[in-house]
Amino acid sequence: MSNRSDYVKKMKAKLDEWNADIDRLEARAEAAQADLQIEYQQQIEALKEERDEAAAKLKTLEAASDEAWEDIKSGVEMAWTSLHSAVDSAISRFK
């Protein structure tokens, strides 16, 4: 169980980091020129959707039985990889 608890803590910490990244991107979007704001907001909304999906998968993992959590873990990791790539891409585009 400790392994799962440690994993969930690690994933929650990473999710908090991505939330902070999204907040910073929103601040940049607000400061951008009007024509870029729409593009930035669309990308931020897509990030938020991915973040929400990843958070939902993490909640499913937390609620899973000891026998099922390893199976669910792979879905969480796929969502995390996708979100990580999306956040990195957005940060690069907003520079």
PDB file of N, CA and C in Angstrom:
ATOM      1  N   MET A   1       0.828  -1.200   0.000  1.00  0.00           N
ATOM      2  CA  MET A   1       0.000   0.000   0.000  1.00  0.00           C
ATOM      3  C   MET A   1       0.861   1.249   0.000  1.00  0.00           C
ATOM      4  N   SER A   2       1.970   1.195   0.661  1.00  0.00           N
ATOM      5  CA  SER A   2       2.863   2.339   0.717  1.00  0.00           C
ATOM      6  C   SER A   2       3.287   2.762  -0.679  1.00  0.00           C
ATOM      7  N   ASN A   3       3.532   1.780  -1.528  1.00  0.00           N
ATOM      8  CA  ASN A   3       3.929   2.077  -2.895  1.00  0.00           C
ATOM      9  C   ASN A   3       2.846   2.892  -3.595  1.00  0.00           C
ATOM     10  N   ARG A   4       1.600   2.512  -3.434  1.00  0.00           N
ATOM     11  CA  ARG A   4       0.497   3.247  -4.057  1.00  0.00           C
ATOM     12  C   ARG A   4       0.370   4.626  -3.440  1.00  0.00           C
ATOM     13  N   SER A   5       0.482   4.730  -2.140  1.00  0.00           N
ATOM     14  CA  SER A   5       0.386   6.031  -1.476  1.00  0.00           C
ATOM     15  C   SER A   5       1.476   6.975  -1.951  1.00  0.00           C
ATOM     16  N   ASP A   6       2.687   6.469  -2.055  1.00  0.00           N
ATOM     17  CA  ASP A   6       3.795   7.287  -2.545  1.00  0.00           C
ATOM     18  C   ASP A   6       3.555   7.721  -3.984  1.00  0.00           C
ATOM     19  N   TYR A   7       3.060   6.811  -4.789  1.00  0.00           N
ATOM     20  CA  TYR A   7       2.777   7.112  -6.189  1.00  0.00           C
ATOM     21  C   TYR A   7       1.720   8.211  -6.299  1.00  0.00           C
ATOM     22  N   VAL A   8       0.642   8.086  -5.536  1.00  0.00           N
ATOM     23  CA  VAL A   8      -0.437   9.075  -5.570  1.00  0.00           C
ATOM     24  C   VAL A   8       0.080  10.440  -5.109  1.00  0.00           C
ATOM     25  N   LYS A   9       0.883  10.475  -4.055  1.00  0.00           N
ATOM     26  CA  LYS A   9       1.460  11.738  -3.580  1.00  0.00           C
ATOM     27  C   LYS A   9       2.310  12.383  -4.662  1.00  0.00           C
ATOM     28  N   LYS A  10       3.117  11.578  -5.321  1.00  0.00           N
ATOM     29  CA  LYS A  10       3.981  12.076  -6.392  1.00  0.00           C
ATOM     30  C   LYS A  10       3.144  12.648  -7.536  1.00  0.00           C
ATOM     31  N   MET A  11       2.087  11.953  -7.912  1.00  0.00           N
ATOM     32  CA  MET A  11       1.234  12.405  -9.001  1.00  0.00           C
ATOM     33  C   MET A  11       0.468  13.672  -8.617  1.00  0.00           C
ATOM     34  N   LYS A  12       0.016  13.762  -7.388  1.00  0.00           N
ATOM     35  CA  LYS A  12      -0.679  14.971  -6.933  1.00  0.00           C
ATOM     36  C   LYS A  12       0.267  16.168  -6.945  1.00  0.00           C
ATOM     37  N   ALA A  13       1.503  15.962  -6.547  1.00  0.00           N
ATOM     38  CA  ALA A  13       2.487  17.048  -6.558  1.00  0.00           C
ATOM     39  C   ALA A  13       2.730  17.517  -7.985  1.00  0.00           C
ATOM     40  N   LYS A  14       2.827  16.583  -8.908  1.00  0.00           N
ATOM     41  CA  LYS A  14       3.045  16.950 -10.308  1.00  0.00           C
ATOM     42  C   LYS A  14       1.829  17.681 -10.863  1.00  0.00           C
ATOM     43  N   LEU A  15       0.648  17.243 -10.495  1.00  0.00           N
ATOM     44  CA  LEU A  15      -0.576  17.908 -10.927  1.00  0.00           C
ATOM     45  C   LEU A  15      -0.605  19.344 -10.399  1.00  0.00           C
ATOM     46  N   ASP A  16      -0.166  19.544  -9.166  1.00  0.00           N
ATOM     47  CA  ASP A  16      -0.087  20.898  -8.601  1.00  0.00           C
ATOM     48  C   ASP A  16       0.879  21.764  -9.403  1.00  0.00           C
ATOM     49  N   GLU A  17       1.997  21.198  -9.820  1.00  0.00           N
ATOM     50  CA  GLU A  17       2.959  21.929 -10.649  1.00  0.00           C
ATOM     51  C   GLU A  17       2.321  22.352 -11.964  1.00  0.00           C
ATOM     52  N   TRP A  18       1.603  21.427 -12.595  1.00  0.00           N
ATOM     53  CA  TRP A  18       0.964  21.740 -13.869  1.00  0.00           C
ATOM     54  C   TRP A  18      -0.133  22.777 -13.692  1.00  0.00           C
ATOM     55  N   ASN A  19      -0.843  22.731 -12.584  1.00  0.00           N
ATOM     56  CA  ASN A  19      -1.845  23.763 -12.309  1.00  0.00           C
ATOM     57  C   ASN A  19      -1.181  25.133 -12.226  1.00  0.00           C
ATOM     58  N   ALA A  20      -0.037  25.200 -11.577  1.00  0.00           N
ATOM     59  CA  ALA A  20       0.699  26.460 -11.483  1.00  0.00           C
ATOM     60  C   ALA A  20       1.176  26.907 -12.861  1.00  0.00           C
ATOM     61  N   ASP A  21       1.643  25.965 -13.678  1.00  0.00           N
ATOM     62  CA  ASP A  21       2.059  26.299 -15.041  1.00  0.00           C
ATOM     63  C   ASP A  21       0.888  26.870 -15.841  1.00  0.00           C
ATOM     64  N   ILE A  22      -0.267  26.254 -15.714  1.00  0.00           N
ATOM     65  CA  ILE A  22      -1.457  26.728 -16.431  1.00  0.00           C
ATOM     66  C   ILE A  22      -1.831  28.129 -15.947  1.00  0.00           C
ATOM     67  N   ASP A  23      -1.739  28.372 -14.651  1.00  0.00           N
ATOM     68  CA  ASP A  23      -2.033  29.711 -14.118  1.00  0.00           C
ATOM     69  C   ASP A  23      -1.081  30.754 -14.711  1.00  0.00           C
ATOM     70  N   ARG A  24       0.197  30.403 -14.817  1.00  0.00           N
ATOM     71  CA  ARG A  24       1.167  31.332 -15.407  1.00  0.00           C
ATOM     72  C   ARG A  24       0.856  31.573 -16.893  1.00  0.00           C
ATOM     73  N   LEU A  25       0.448  30.523 -17.593  1.00  0.00           N
ATOM     74  CA  LEU A  25       0.089  30.683 -18.998  1.00  0.00           C
ATOM     75  C   LEU A  25      -1.132  31.583 -19.152  1.00  0.00           C
ATOM     76  N   GLU A  26      -2.081  31.456 -18.245  1.00  0.00           N
ATOM     77  CA  GLU A  26      -3.259  32.326 -18.290  1.00  0.00           C
ATOM     78  C   GLU A  26      -2.861  33.785 -18.090  1.00  0.00           C
ATOM     79  N   ALA A  27      -1.938  34.033 -17.188  1.00  0.00           N
ATOM     80  CA  ALA A  27      -1.464  35.395 -16.959  1.00  0.00           C
ATOM     81  C   ALA A  27      -0.781  35.942 -18.212  1.00  0.00           C
ATOM     82  N   ARG A  28       0.008  35.123 -18.874  1.00  0.00           N
ATOM     83  CA  ARG A  28       0.662  35.546 -20.116  1.00  0.00           C
ATOM     84  C   ARG A  28      -0.372  35.827 -21.204  1.00  0.00           C
ATOM     85  N   ALA A  29      -1.393  34.988 -21.259  1.00  0.00           N
ATOM     86  CA  ALA A  29      -2.434  35.154 -22.272  1.00  0.00           C
ATOM     87  C   ALA A  29      -3.163  36.477 -22.070  1.00  0.00           C
ATOM     88  N   GLU A  30      -3.428  36.816 -20.823  1.00  0.00           N
ATOM     89  CA  GLU A  30      -4.116  38.072 -20.539  1.00  0.00           C
ATOM     90  C   GLU A  30      -3.279  39.275 -20.944  1.00  0.00           C
ATOM     91  N   ALA A  31      -1.971  39.131 -20.875  1.00  0.00           N
ATOM     92  CA  ALA A  31      -1.073  40.230 -21.226  1.00  0.00           C
ATOM     93  C   ALA A  31      -0.762  40.268 -22.725  1.00  0.00           C
ATOM     94  N   ALA A  32      -1.158  39.265 -23.458  1.00  0.00           N
ATOM     95  CA  ALA A  32      -0.847  39.177 -24.888  1.00  0.00           C
ATOM     96  C   ALA A  32      -1.731  40.125 -25.690  1.00  0.00           C
ATOM     97  N   GLN A  33      -1.316  40.344 -26.912  1.00  0.00           N
ATOM     98  CA  GLN A  33      -2.114  41.160 -27.826  1.00  0.00           C
ATOM     99  C   GLN A  33      -3.449  40.469 -28.063  1.00  0.00           C
ATOM    100  N   ALA A  34      -4.447  41.256 -28.369  1.00  0.00           N
ATOM    101  CA  ALA A  34      -5.811  40.743 -28.512  1.00  0.00           C
ATOM    102  C   ALA A  34      -5.914  39.596 -29.501  1.00  0.00           C
ATOM    103  N   ASP A  35      -5.199  39.672 -30.615  1.00  0.00           N
ATOM    104  CA  ASP A  35      -5.305  38.621 -31.630  1.00  0.00           C
ATOM    105  C   ASP A  35      -4.701  37.303 -31.157  1.00  0.00           C
ATOM    106  N   LEU A  36      -3.747  37.368 -30.243  1.00  0.00           N
ATOM    107  CA  LEU A  36      -3.137  36.149 -29.716  1.00  0.00           C
ATOM    108  C   LEU A  36      -3.899  35.592 -28.521  1.00  0.00           C
ATOM    109  N   GLN A  37      -4.671  36.433 -27.851  1.00  0.00           N
ATOM    110  CA  GLN A  37      -5.388  35.983 -26.665  1.00  0.00           C
ATOM    111  C   GLN A  37      -6.331  34.825 -26.970  1.00  0.00           C
ATOM    112  N   ILE A  38      -7.009  34.896 -28.080  1.00  0.00           N
ATOM    113  CA  ILE A  38      -7.956  33.828 -28.436  1.00  0.00           C
ATOM    114  C   ILE A  38      -7.221  32.512 -28.629  1.00  0.00           C
ATOM    115  N   GLU A  39      -6.113  32.550 -29.349  1.00  0.00           N
ATOM    116  CA  GLU A  39      -5.327  31.332 -29.576  1.00  0.00           C
ATOM    117  C   GLU A  39      -4.823  30.771 -28.244  1.00  0.00           C
ATOM    118  N   TYR A  40      -4.305  31.641 -27.399  1.00  0.00           N
ATOM    119  CA  TYR A  40      -3.796  31.216 -26.103  1.00  0.00           C
ATOM    120  C   TYR A  40      -4.906  30.614 -25.246  1.00  0.00           C
ATOM    121  N   GLN A  41      -6.057  31.276 -25.231  1.00  0.00           N
ATOM    122  CA  GLN A  41      -7.171  30.777 -24.421  1.00  0.00           C
ATOM    123  C   GLN A  41      -7.642  29.407 -24.895  1.00  0.00           C
ATOM    124  N   GLN A  42      -7.646  29.192 -26.201  1.00  0.00           N
ATOM    125  CA  GLN A  42      -8.040  27.878 -26.726  1.00  0.00           C
ATOM    126  C   GLN A  42      -7.068  26.804 -26.266  1.00  0.00           C
ATOM    127  N   GLN A  43      -5.794  27.125 -26.323  1.00  0.00           N
ATOM    128  CA  GLN A  43      -4.796  26.150 -25.891  1.00  0.00           C
ATOM    129  C   GLN A  43      -4.893  25.901 -24.382  1.00  0.00           C
ATOM    130  N   ILE A  44      -5.141  26.936 -23.619  1.00  0.00           N
ATOM    131  CA  ILE A  44      -5.279  26.788 -22.170  1.00  0.00           C
ATOM    132  C   ILE A  44      -6.499  25.940 -21.834  1.00  0.00           C
ATOM    133  N   GLU A  45      -7.590  26.144 -22.545  1.00  0.00           N
ATOM    134  CA  GLU A  45      -8.785  25.329 -22.308  1.00  0.00           C
ATOM    135  C   GLU A  45      -8.513  23.860 -22.606  1.00  0.00           C
ATOM    136  N   ALA A  46      -7.768  23.596 -23.661  1.00  0.00           N
ATOM    137  CA  ALA A  46      -7.403  22.211 -23.989  1.00  0.00           C
ATOM    138  C   ALA A  46      -6.536  21.616 -22.878  1.00  0.00           C
ATOM    139  N   LEU A  47      -5.610  22.414 -22.348  1.00  0.00           N
ATOM    140  CA  LEU A  47      -4.775  21.947 -21.232  1.00  0.00           C
ATOM    141  C   LEU A  47      -5.629  21.630 -20.009  1.00  0.00           C
ATOM    142  N   LYS A  48      -6.577  22.489 -19.730  1.00  0.00           N
ATOM    143  CA  LYS A  48      -7.449  22.267 -18.566  1.00  0.00           C
ATOM    144  C   LYS A  48      -8.264  20.984 -18.717  1.00  0.00           C
ATOM    145  N   GLU A  49      -8.715  20.716 -19.936  1.00  0.00           N
ATOM    146  CA  GLU A  49      -9.462  19.479 -20.169  1.00  0.00           C
ATOM    147  C   GLU A  49      -8.579  18.262 -19.915  1.00  0.00           C
ATOM    148  N   GLU A  50      -7.353  18.306 -20.438  1.00  0.00           N
ATOM    149  CA  GLU A  50      -6.423  17.195 -20.210  1.00  0.00           C
ATOM    150  C   GLU A  50      -6.097  17.053 -18.734  1.00  0.00           C
ATOM    151  N   ARG A  51      -5.915  18.185 -18.066  1.00  0.00           N
ATOM    152  CA  ARG A  51      -5.626  18.163 -16.634  1.00  0.00           C
ATOM    153  C   ARG A  51      -6.779  17.524 -15.865  1.00  0.00           C
ATOM    154  N   ASP A  52      -8.003  17.901 -16.217  1.00  0.00           N
ATOM    155  CA  ASP A  52      -9.167  17.347 -15.542  1.00  0.00           C
ATOM    156  C   ASP A  52      -9.282  15.842 -15.772  1.00  0.00           C
ATOM    157  N   GLU A  53      -8.961  15.394 -16.978  1.00  0.00           N
ATOM    158  CA  GLU A  53      -8.983  13.957 -17.263  1.00  0.00           C
ATOM    159  C   GLU A  53      -7.928  13.225 -16.431  1.00  0.00           C
ATOM    160  N   ALA A  54      -6.740  13.815 -16.351  1.00  0.00           N
ATOM    161  CA  ALA A  54      -5.676  13.195 -15.559  1.00  0.00           C
ATOM    162  C   ALA A  54      -6.061  13.147 -14.087  1.00  0.00           C
ATOM    163  N   ALA A  55      -6.665  14.217 -13.589  1.00  0.00           N
ATOM    164  CA  ALA A  55      -7.089  14.254 -12.184  1.00  0.00           C
ATOM    165  C   ALA A  55      -8.170  13.206 -11.923  1.00  0.00           C
ATOM    166  N   ALA A  56      -9.076  13.026 -12.875  1.00  0.00           N
ATOM    167  CA  ALA A  56     -10.123  12.015 -12.713  1.00  0.00           C
ATOM    168  C   ALA A  56      -9.526  10.608 -12.680  1.00  0.00           C
ATOM    169  N   LYS A  57      -8.541  10.362 -13.528  1.00  0.00           N
ATOM    170  CA  LYS A  57      -7.883   9.050 -13.523  1.00  0.00           C
ATOM    171  C   LYS A  57      -7.153   8.814 -12.204  1.00  0.00           C
ATOM    172  N   LEU A  58      -6.566   9.864 -11.664  1.00  0.00           N
ATOM    173  CA  LEU A  58      -5.884   9.738 -10.382  1.00  0.00           C
ATOM    174  C   LEU A  58      -6.881   9.409  -9.271  1.00  0.00           C
ATOM    175  N   LYS A  59      -8.055  10.036  -9.306  1.00  0.00           N
ATOM    176  CA  LYS A  59      -9.086   9.724  -8.302  1.00  0.00           C
ATOM    177  C   LYS A  59      -9.543   8.269  -8.429  1.00  0.00           C
ATOM    178  N   THR A  60      -9.649   7.788  -9.665  1.00  0.00           N
ATOM    179  CA  THR A  60     -10.015   6.391  -9.891  1.00  0.00           C
ATOM    180  C   THR A  60      -8.948   5.476  -9.307  1.00  0.00           C
ATOM    181  N   LEU A  61      -7.701   5.851  -9.507  1.00  0.00           N
ATOM    182  CA  LEU A  61      -6.588   5.069  -8.967  1.00  0.00           C
ATOM    183  C   LEU A  61      -6.643   5.028  -7.445  1.00  0.00           C
ATOM    184  N   GLU A  62      -6.917   6.169  -6.832  1.00  0.00           N
ATOM    185  CA  GLU A  62      -6.985   6.232  -5.366  1.00  0.00           C
ATOM    186  C   GLU A  62      -8.088   5.335  -4.813  1.00  0.00           C
ATOM    187  N   ALA A  63      -9.188   5.263  -5.544  1.00  0.00           N
ATOM    188  CA  ALA A  63     -10.336   4.492  -5.073  1.00  0.00           C
ATOM    189  C   ALA A  63     -10.255   3.006  -5.436  1.00  0.00           C
ATOM    190  N   ALA A  64      -9.304   2.648  -6.260  1.00  0.00           N
ATOM    191  CA  ALA A  64      -9.208   1.264  -6.740  1.00  0.00           C
ATOM    192  C   ALA A  64      -8.792   0.307  -5.630  1.00  0.00           C
ATOM    193  N   SER A  65      -9.187  -0.909  -5.803  1.00  0.00           N
ATOM    194  CA  SER A  65      -8.774  -1.947  -4.855  1.00  0.00           C
ATOM    195  C   SER A  65      -7.281  -2.199  -5.012  1.00  0.00           C
ATOM    196  N   ASP A  66      -6.714  -2.833  -4.014  1.00  0.00           N
ATOM    197  CA  ASP A  66      -5.285  -3.154  -4.072  1.00  0.00           C
ATOM    198  C   ASP A  66      -4.957  -4.012  -5.287  1.00  0.00           C
ATOM    199  N   GLU A  67      -5.887  -4.875  -5.667  1.00  0.00           N
ATOM    200  CA  GLU A  67      -5.651  -5.765  -6.791  1.00  0.00           C
ATOM    201  C   GLU A  67      -5.715  -5.025  -8.124  1.00  0.00           C
ATOM    202  N   ALA A  68      -6.529  -3.979  -8.206  1.00  0.00           N
ATOM    203  CA  ALA A  68      -6.766  -3.305  -9.483  1.00  0.00           C
ATOM    204  C   ALA A  68      -5.865  -2.097  -9.719  1.00  0.00           C
ATOM    205  N   TRP A  69      -5.232  -1.591  -8.706  1.00  0.00           N
ATOM    206  CA  TRP A  69      -4.534  -0.316  -8.881  1.00  0.00           C
ATOM    207  C   TRP A  69      -3.378  -0.386  -9.861  1.00  0.00           C
ATOM    208  N   GLU A  70      -2.692  -1.499  -9.940  1.00  0.00           N
ATOM    209  CA  GLU A  70      -1.595  -1.625 -10.908  1.00  0.00           C
ATOM    210  C   GLU A  70      -2.116  -1.538 -12.338  1.00  0.00           C
ATOM    211  N   ASP A  71      -3.299  -2.103 -12.596  1.00  0.00           N
ATOM    212  CA  ASP A  71      -3.884  -2.030 -13.928  1.00  0.00           C
ATOM    213  C   ASP A  71      -4.283  -0.605 -14.272  1.00  0.00           C
ATOM    214  N   ILE A  72      -4.848   0.103 -13.316  1.00  0.00           N
ATOM    215  CA  ILE A  72      -5.304   1.474 -13.532  1.00  0.00           C
ATOM    216  C   ILE A  72      -4.107   2.418 -13.666  1.00  0.00           C
ATOM    217  N   LYS A  73      -3.023   2.082 -13.022  1.00  0.00           N
ATOM    218  CA  LYS A  73      -1.820   2.917 -13.037  1.00  0.00           C
ATOM    219  C   LYS A  73      -1.350   3.206 -14.463  1.00  0.00           C
ATOM    220  N   SER A  74      -1.445   2.250 -15.352  1.00  0.00           N
ATOM    221  CA  SER A  74      -0.989   2.473 -16.728  1.00  0.00           C
ATOM    222  C   SER A  74      -1.822   3.554 -17.416  1.00  0.00           C
ATOM    223  N   GLY A  75      -3.119   3.597 -17.141  1.00  0.00           N
ATOM    224  CA  GLY A  75      -3.975   4.653 -17.700  1.00  0.00           C
ATOM    225  C   GLY A  75      -3.605   6.016 -17.158  1.00  0.00           C
ATOM    226  N   VAL A  76      -3.280   6.062 -15.884  1.00  0.00           N
ATOM    227  CA  VAL A  76      -2.854   7.313 -15.271  1.00  0.00           C
ATOM    228  C   VAL A  76      -1.552   7.783 -15.917  1.00  0.00           C
ATOM    229  N   GLU A  77      -0.635   6.877 -16.109  1.00  0.00           N
ATOM    230  CA  GLU A  77       0.652   7.247 -16.694  1.00  0.00           C
ATOM    231  C   GLU A  77       0.503   7.737 -18.130  1.00  0.00           C
ATOM    232  N   MET A  78      -0.414   7.163 -18.884  1.00  0.00           N
ATOM    233  CA  MET A  78      -0.660   7.637 -20.243  1.00  0.00           C
ATOM    234  C   MET A  78      -1.224   9.051 -20.217  1.00  0.00           C
ATOM    235  N   ALA A  79      -2.158   9.312 -19.309  1.00  0.00           N
ATOM    236  CA  ALA A  79      -2.736  10.653 -19.182  1.00  0.00           C
ATOM    237  C   ALA A  79      -1.672  11.651 -18.748  1.00  0.00           C
ATOM    238  N   TRP A  80      -0.810  11.223 -17.841  1.00  0.00           N
ATOM    239  CA  TRP A  80       0.269  12.101 -17.357  1.00  0.00           C
ATOM    240  C   TRP A  80       1.230  12.453 -18.479  1.00  0.00           C
ATOM    241  N   THR A  81       1.596  11.475 -19.287  1.00  0.00           N
ATOM    242  CA  THR A  81       2.511  11.716 -20.400  1.00  0.00           C
ATOM    243  C   THR A  81       1.902  12.703 -21.389  1.00  0.00           C
ATOM    244  N   SER A  82       0.645  12.529 -21.683  1.00  0.00           N
ATOM    245  CA  SER A  82      -0.044  13.418 -22.609  1.00  0.00           C
ATOM    246  C   SER A  82      -0.110  14.841 -22.053  1.00  0.00           C
ATOM    247  N   LEU A  83      -0.470  14.968 -20.784  1.00  0.00           N
ATOM    248  CA  LEU A  83      -0.563  16.285 -20.162  1.00  0.00           C
ATOM    249  C   LEU A  83       0.805  16.952 -20.089  1.00  0.00           C
ATOM    250  N   HIS A  84       1.812  16.185 -19.736  1.00  0.00           N
ATOM    251  CA  HIS A  84       3.172  16.722 -19.657  1.00  0.00           C
ATOM    252  C   HIS A  84       3.596  17.296 -21.013  1.00  0.00           C
ATOM    253  N   SER A  85       3.356  16.559 -22.071  1.00  0.00           N
ATOM    254  CA  SER A  85       3.709  17.025 -23.416  1.00  0.00           C
ATOM    255  C   SER A  85       2.932  18.282 -23.791  1.00  0.00           C
ATOM    256  N   ALA A  86       1.653  18.305 -23.456  1.00  0.00           N
ATOM    257  CA  ALA A  86       0.811  19.459 -23.789  1.00  0.00           C
ATOM    258  C   ALA A  86       1.251  20.713 -23.040  1.00  0.00           C
ATOM    259  N   VAL A  87       1.571  20.563 -21.760  1.00  0.00           N
ATOM    260  CA  VAL A  87       2.027  21.711 -20.965  1.00  0.00           C
ATOM    261  C   VAL A  87       3.361  22.213 -21.505  1.00  0.00           C
ATOM    262  N   ASP A  88       4.286  21.324 -21.763  1.00  0.00           N
ATOM    263  CA  ASP A  88       5.588  21.729 -22.309  1.00  0.00           C
ATOM    264  C   ASP A  88       5.432  22.440 -23.647  1.00  0.00           C
ATOM    265  N   SER A  89       4.568  21.931 -24.490  1.00  0.00           N
ATOM    266  CA  SER A  89       4.328  22.536 -25.790  1.00  0.00           C
ATOM    267  C   SER A  89       3.741  23.940 -25.634  1.00  0.00           C
ATOM    268  N   ALA A  90       2.788  24.080 -24.743  1.00  0.00           N
ATOM    269  CA  ALA A  90       2.157  25.386 -24.524  1.00  0.00           C
ATOM    270  C   ALA A  90       3.168  26.382 -23.966  1.00  0.00           C
ATOM    271  N   ILE A  91       3.978  25.959 -23.036  1.00  0.00           N
ATOM    272  CA  ILE A  91       4.993  26.852 -22.470  1.00  0.00           C
ATOM    273  C   ILE A  91       5.942  27.317 -23.563  1.00  0.00           C
ATOM    274  N   SER A  92       6.339  26.408 -24.440  1.00  0.00           N
ATOM    275  CA  SER A  92       7.244  26.767 -25.542  1.00  0.00           C
ATOM    276  C   SER A  92       6.589  27.766 -26.500  1.00  0.00           C
ATOM    277  N   ARG A  93       5.316  27.572 -26.773  1.00  0.00           N
ATOM    278  CA  ARG A  93       4.614  28.465 -27.701  1.00  0.00           C
ATOM    279  C   ARG A  93       4.389  29.846 -27.105  1.00  0.00           C
ATOM    280  N   PHE A  94       4.244  29.933 -25.803  1.00  0.00           N
ATOM    281  CA  PHE A  94       3.941  31.209 -25.158  1.00  0.00           C
ATOM    282  C   PHE A  94       5.183  32.037 -24.878  1.00  0.00           C
ATOM    283  N   LYS A  95       6.338  31.505 -25.164  1.00  0.00           N
ATOM    284  CA  LYS A  95       7.572  32.264 -24.894  1.00  0.00           C
ATOM    285  C   LYS A  95       7.750  33.376 -25.887  1.00  0.00           C
TER     286      LYS A  95
END
